[in-house]
Amino acid sequence: MKTFTVTIAGDERFDGEAPYTWVVEASDVMSAMNKALAYHALSQEQRLCDLEIDPLHTFEGLPPENCGYHWNDLRPAVLGADGADERD
């Protein structure tokens, strides 16, 4: 499995909020996007049709060390250690 960073904007974008960034493990970028979309929709109680993936902030690997934004780590090793982890 590879690590991917996926950034998703939901309804909050209409209120001026920043999009959510998720770090997931998946075999390819499409699977990573699907996993992040499903988690985002369920955790934020939003419909899939209202979500948009930000292609400029979706890539293989972790966010850069000094990325300047928060991200949520959904990788199984991290979740098993201490629950969903928020980074900046």
Foldseek 3Di string as FASTA:
>chain_A
DFKKKWWKDFPCVVVVDGTAIEIEDDPDQVVVHVVVLVVCCVVVVHDSVRMDIDVVGIGTDDQDPPNPDKYWYPYPVVCVVPHIDIDD
